[in-house]
Amino acid sequence: MKEVEIPYEGENNEILYDRLPDLRQARLEDLERRVDEMEKMLAVFNKNWRDYQEMIEQKFQHIGGLVKPRHEESGEVDALRDMLHRIESQNSVMRSELEFKMPRVEEDDHSGLRNDILKLEGKVVRLEKKLEELERWEKGFKVNVDNTVRPVVIE
């Protein structure tokens, strides 16, 4: 996450006091936007993963209803084997498409996305700490009449 730069105005590195709350708010909004994006991505992944599993189950149920004992016509068995190979190749193509579009996760485990969300939550905690530091830092400045600030000189 890129740090928000505090704009310096005028000589002596005076900053506009009114801008500090806006900068904090911008950082919070950016973090909230990123968390929302991750939640949307997780929801899309879960939906696509369920759709993918249902489609595979339907394909195999369809094949399971057609399979006859081996001693019956061998031509049907060979045709079913060919169909199974086609489905497996479609399965691998679909899996690679899903892996391309979605973050890599372990089977039935969304730990990769959870880790990303945990990282974002960690960033929120770090951001809150930085905001506390910024508030303490703000107390070290005095507001001038023209709404600029200057450091408090401790004598």
Protein backbone atom coordinates (compact mmCIF):
# COMPACT_ATOMS: atom_id res chain seq x y z
CA MET A 1 0.00 0.00 0.00
CA LYS A 2 1.47 3.31 -0.96
CA GLU A 3 1.90 5.91 1.70
CA VAL A 4 -0.14 9.08 1.41
CA GLU A 5 2.23 11.96 0.94
CA ILE A 6 1.55 15.05 3.01
CA PRO A 7 1.60 18.06 0.71
CA TYR A 8 3.88 20.85 1.84
CA GLU A 9 2.76 24.39 1.21
CA GLY A 10 4.83 27.54 1.32
CA GLU A 11 8.16 28.15 2.89
CA ASN A 12 9.38 26.46 6.06
CA ASN A 13 7.51 23.28 5.07
CA GLU A 14 4.18 24.52 6.41
CA ILE A 15 1.29 22.20 5.69
CA LEU A 16 -2.35 23.07 5.42
CA TYR A 17 -3.98 21.91 8.62
CA ASP A 18 -7.35 21.41 6.91
CA ARG A 19 -5.87 18.75 4.60
CA LEU A 20 -4.81 16.27 7.32
CA PRO A 21 -8.31 14.84 8.03
CA ASP A 22 -8.90 14.50 4.26
CA LEU A 23 -5.69 12.51 3.90
CA ARG A 24 -6.70 10.16 6.71
CA GLN A 25 -10.14 9.71 5.18
CA ALA A 26 -8.65 8.99 1.75
CA ARG A 27 -6.46 6.26 3.20
CA LEU A 28 -9.41 4.67 5.01
CA GLU A 29 -11.60 4.79 1.90
CA ASP A 30 -8.85 3.17 -0.17
CA LEU A 31 -8.54 0.34 2.34
CA GLU A 32 -12.31 -0.17 2.47
CA ARG A 33 -12.41 -0.28 -1.35
CA ARG A 34 -9.70 -2.95 -1.41
CA VAL A 35 -11.49 -5.09 1.18
CA ASP A 36 -14.73 -4.79 -0.84
CA GLU A 37 -12.90 -5.91 -3.99
CA MET A 38 -11.51 -8.95 -2.18
CA GLU A 39 -14.95 -9.88 -0.83
CA LYS A 40 -16.47 -9.59 -4.33
CA MET A 41 -13.66 -11.69 -5.78
CA LEU A 42 -14.23 -14.37 -3.12
CA ALA A 43 -18.00 -14.41 -3.83
CA VAL A 44 -17.42 -14.77 -7.59
CA PHE A 45 -14.90 -17.53 -7.01
CA ASN A 46 -17.28 -19.43 -4.71
CA LYS A 47 -20.11 -19.16 -7.26
CA ASN A 48 -17.92 -20.26 -10.17
CA TRP A 49 -16.48 -23.12 -8.13
CA ARG A 50 -19.98 -24.37 -7.20
CA ASP A 51 -21.15 -24.06 -10.84
CA TYR A 52 -18.07 -25.94 -12.00
CA GLN A 53 -18.61 -28.76 -9.50
CA GLU A 54 -22.31 -29.06 -10.39
CA MET A 55 -21.51 -29.25 -14.10
CA ILE A 56 -18.96 -32.01 -13.57
CA GLU A 57 -21.39 -33.94 -11.35
CA GLN A 58 -24.12 -33.65 -14.01
CA LYS A 59 -21.74 -34.88 -16.72
CA PHE A 60 -20.74 -37.90 -14.65
CA GLN A 61 -24.33 -38.67 -13.64
CA HIS A 62 -25.24 -38.64 -17.32
CA ILE A 63 -22.39 -41.02 -18.11
CA GLY A 64 -23.21 -43.20 -15.10
CA GLY A 65 -26.75 -43.74 -16.44
CA LEU A 66 -25.39 -44.85 -19.82
CA VAL A 67 -22.73 -47.29 -18.60
CA LYS A 68 -23.67 -50.93 -19.14
CA PRO A 69 -21.85 -54.03 -17.95
CA ARG A 70 -18.60 -54.79 -19.82
CA HIS A 71 -19.86 -57.98 -21.40
CA GLU A 72 -22.41 -55.97 -23.38
CA GLU A 73 -21.52 -54.25 -26.63
CA SER A 74 -17.85 -53.24 -26.48
CA GLY A 75 -18.52 -50.45 -28.96
CA GLU A 76 -20.59 -48.59 -26.36
CA VAL A 77 -17.87 -49.03 -23.75
CA ASP A 78 -15.28 -47.62 -26.16
CA ALA A 79 -17.60 -44.73 -27.01
CA LEU A 80 -18.10 -44.05 -23.31
CA ARG A 81 -14.35 -44.14 -22.73
CA ASP A 82 -13.90 -41.63 -25.54
CA MET A 83 -16.62 -39.46 -24.05
CA LEU A 84 -14.96 -39.71 -20.64
CA HIS A 85 -11.62 -38.63 -22.14
CA ARG A 86 -13.32 -35.67 -23.85
CA ILE A 87 -14.95 -34.68 -20.58
CA GLU A 88 -11.64 -35.01 -18.74
CA SER A 89 -9.95 -32.80 -21.34
CA GLN A 90 -12.80 -30.26 -21.04
CA ASN A 91 -12.39 -30.54 -17.29
CA SER A 92 -8.69 -29.71 -17.52
CA VAL A 93 -9.39 -26.82 -19.91
CA MET A 94 -12.08 -25.45 -17.58
CA ARG A 95 -9.80 -25.92 -14.58
CA SER A 96 -7.00 -24.02 -16.30
CA GLU A 97 -9.46 -21.26 -17.26
CA LEU A 98 -10.64 -21.08 -13.65
CA GLU A 99 -7.07 -21.02 -12.38
CA PHE A 100 -6.28 -18.25 -14.86
CA LYS A 101 -9.27 -16.16 -13.80
CA MET A 102 -9.20 -16.97 -10.09
CA PRO A 103 -6.44 -16.97 -7.52
CA ARG A 104 -4.85 -20.34 -6.91
CA VAL A 105 -6.43 -22.16 -3.97
CA GLU A 106 -6.16 -25.64 -2.55
CA GLU A 107 -9.06 -27.95 -3.35
CA ASP A 108 -12.13 -26.90 -1.32
CA ASP A 109 -9.90 -24.56 0.68
CA HIS A 110 -9.98 -20.82 0.21
CA SER A 111 -6.95 -20.24 2.39
CA GLY A 112 -5.21 -18.16 -0.31
CA LEU A 113 -8.06 -15.68 -0.39
CA ARG A 114 -8.39 -15.84 3.37
CA ASN A 115 -4.70 -15.01 3.65
CA ASP A 116 -5.18 -12.02 1.34
CA ILE A 117 -8.11 -10.82 3.45
CA LEU A 118 -6.09 -11.34 6.64
CA LYS A 119 -3.28 -9.30 5.09
CA LEU A 120 -5.77 -6.52 4.35
CA GLU A 121 -7.03 -6.68 7.92
CA GLY A 122 -3.43 -6.42 9.07
CA LYS A 123 -3.04 -3.36 6.87
CA VAL A 124 -6.14 -1.88 8.51
CA VAL A 125 -4.55 -2.36 11.93
CA ARG A 126 -1.28 -0.82 10.74
CA LEU A 127 -3.21 2.04 9.16
CA GLU A 128 -5.05 2.70 12.40
CA LYS A 129 -1.71 2.80 14.24
CA LYS A 130 -0.32 5.23 11.67
CA LEU A 131 -3.40 7.39 12.03
CA GLU A 132 -2.87 7.47 15.79
CA GLU A 133 0.73 8.51 15.17
CA LEU A 134 -0.50 11.20 12.78
CA GLU A 135 -2.91 12.51 15.39
CA ARG A 136 -0.12 12.63 17.97
CA TRP A 137 2.08 14.32 15.36
CA GLU A 138 -0.66 16.90 14.68
CA LYS A 139 -0.62 17.87 18.34
CA GLY A 140 2.99 18.96 17.82
CA PHE A 141 1.87 21.79 15.53
CA LYS A 142 0.18 25.10 16.15
CA VAL A 143 -2.32 26.61 13.74
CA ASN A 144 -1.37 30.04 12.40
CA VAL A 145 -3.91 32.75 11.70
CA ASP A 146 -3.75 32.03 7.94
CA ASN A 147 -4.70 28.37 8.63
CA THR A 148 -1.19 26.98 8.08
CA VAL A 149 0.63 25.11 10.79
CA ARG A 150 4.07 25.32 12.28
CA PRO A 151 5.93 23.00 14.64
CA VAL A 152 5.62 23.67 18.33
CA VAL A 153 8.97 24.86 19.63
CA ILE A 154 9.73 23.34 23.00
CA GLU A 155 12.03 25.61 24.97
